[in-house]
């Protein structure tokens, strides 16, 4: 996780290793996001496309990345929304900047 103050890369610590900024809120946000992605995975495993989309969208709103795009694509497939699934898959397929 990148410190918003000095831009140093950090682990899951509550304070930045370089500038000692408080990262507690970011750590909490990442834990919440990771939980939402886990819920999306569980919903997909049970074949529930609507729930997969709900949880993937929650994670995506917190921080969009390849993982959230992938679960949105899976949710789209399970919900038989193929246009959504393709659009999300294309986001995953594009090279990262």
Protein backbone atom coordinates (compact mmCIF):
# COMPACT_ATOMS: atom_id res chain seq x y z
CA UNK A 1 0.00 0.00 0.00
CA UNK A 2 1.34 3.41 -0.96
CA UNK A 3 1.51 6.22 1.61
CA UNK A 4 -0.63 9.17 0.50
CA UNK A 5 1.83 11.61 2.15
CA UNK A 6 5.27 10.55 0.93
CA UNK A 7 4.30 7.87 -1.65
CA UNK A 8 6.48 5.20 0.03
CA UNK A 9 5.39 1.61 -0.51
CA UNK A 10 4.30 -0.04 2.77
CA UNK A 11 2.98 -3.36 3.97
CA UNK A 12 0.02 -3.70 6.31
CA UNK A 13 1.57 -1.53 9.03
CA UNK A 14 -0.50 1.19 10.71
CA UNK A 15 2.23 3.81 10.18
CA UNK A 16 4.31 4.67 7.12
CA UNK A 17 7.82 3.27 7.33
CA UNK A 18 9.30 6.47 5.91
CA UNK A 19 7.28 9.47 7.17
CA UNK A 20 5.37 7.77 10.02
CA UNK A 21 1.98 8.98 8.70
CA UNK A 22 -1.04 7.18 10.18
CA UNK A 23 -2.22 4.54 7.68
CA UNK A 24 -4.89 2.98 9.89
CA UNK A 25 -7.73 4.11 7.64
CA UNK A 26 -6.03 2.66 4.54
CA UNK A 27 -5.36 -0.63 6.31
CA UNK A 28 -9.04 -0.83 7.32
CA UNK A 29 -10.13 0.03 3.78
CA UNK A 30 -7.93 -2.73 2.32
CA UNK A 31 -9.27 -5.28 4.85
CA UNK A 32 -12.84 -4.32 3.94
CA UNK A 33 -12.03 -4.58 0.24
CA UNK A 34 -10.34 -7.97 0.66
CA UNK A 35 -13.41 -9.21 2.57
CA UNK A 36 -15.70 -8.03 -0.25
CA UNK A 37 -13.55 -9.89 -2.81
CA UNK A 38 -13.69 -13.03 -0.66
CA UNK A 39 -17.49 -12.72 -0.52
CA UNK A 40 -17.58 -12.32 -4.31
CA UNK A 41 -15.52 -15.50 -4.67
CA UNK A 42 -17.83 -17.41 -2.32
CA UNK A 43 -20.92 -16.17 -4.17
CA UNK A 44 -19.39 -17.18 -7.50
CA UNK A 45 -18.55 -20.62 -6.14
CA UNK A 46 -22.21 -21.09 -5.27
CA UNK A 47 -23.29 -19.84 -8.71
CA UNK A 48 -24.97 -16.66 -7.46
CA UNK A 49 -24.23 -14.05 -10.13
CA UNK A 50 -26.21 -11.24 -8.51
CA UNK A 51 -24.41 -11.58 -5.17
CA UNK A 52 -21.06 -11.89 -6.96
CA UNK A 53 -21.75 -8.58 -8.68
CA UNK A 54 -22.84 -6.88 -5.45
CA UNK A 55 -19.66 -7.87 -3.61
CA UNK A 56 -17.37 -7.22 -6.59
CA UNK A 57 -18.90 -3.76 -7.04
CA UNK A 58 -18.35 -2.99 -3.34
CA UNK A 59 -14.67 -3.92 -3.66
CA UNK A 60 -14.39 -2.02 -6.95
CA UNK A 61 -15.75 1.17 -5.38
CA UNK A 62 -13.10 0.96 -2.66
CA UNK A 63 -10.25 0.43 -5.16
CA UNK A 64 -10.52 -0.65 -8.76
CA UNK A 65 -7.88 -3.11 -9.92
CA UNK A 66 -7.55 -6.31 -11.92
CA UNK A 67 -9.06 -8.42 -9.12
CA UNK A 68 -12.22 -6.34 -8.88
CA UNK A 69 -12.55 -6.24 -12.69
CA UNK A 70 -12.17 -10.05 -12.82
CA UNK A 71 -14.90 -10.64 -10.24
CA UNK A 72 -17.17 -8.19 -12.04
CA UNK A 73 -16.60 -10.19 -15.24
CA UNK A 74 -17.36 -13.47 -13.46
CA UNK A 75 -20.48 -11.96 -11.91
CA UNK A 76 -21.59 -10.75 -15.33
CA UNK A 77 -21.15 -14.23 -16.78
CA UNK A 78 -23.06 -15.87 -13.93
CA UNK A 79 -25.85 -13.29 -14.23
CA UNK A 80 -25.88 -13.88 -18.01
CA UNK A 81 -25.02 -10.21 -18.67
CA UNK A 82 -22.51 -10.98 -21.39
CA UNK A 83 -21.99 -7.35 -22.44
CA UNK A 84 -20.95 -6.47 -18.87
CA UNK A 85 -18.74 -9.56 -18.62
CA UNK A 86 -16.96 -8.67 -21.88
CA UNK A 87 -16.49 -5.02 -20.91
CA UNK A 88 -14.99 -6.03 -17.55
CA UNK A 89 -12.81 -8.68 -19.16
CA UNK A 90 -11.44 -6.07 -21.55
CA UNK A 91 -10.42 -3.93 -18.57
CA UNK A 92 -8.43 -6.88 -17.22
CA UNK A 93 -6.87 -7.62 -20.59
CA UNK A 94 -5.49 -4.12 -21.13
CA UNK A 95 -1.90 -3.62 -20.03
CA UNK A 96 -1.51 -1.77 -16.74
CA UNK A 97 -0.08 1.73 -16.92
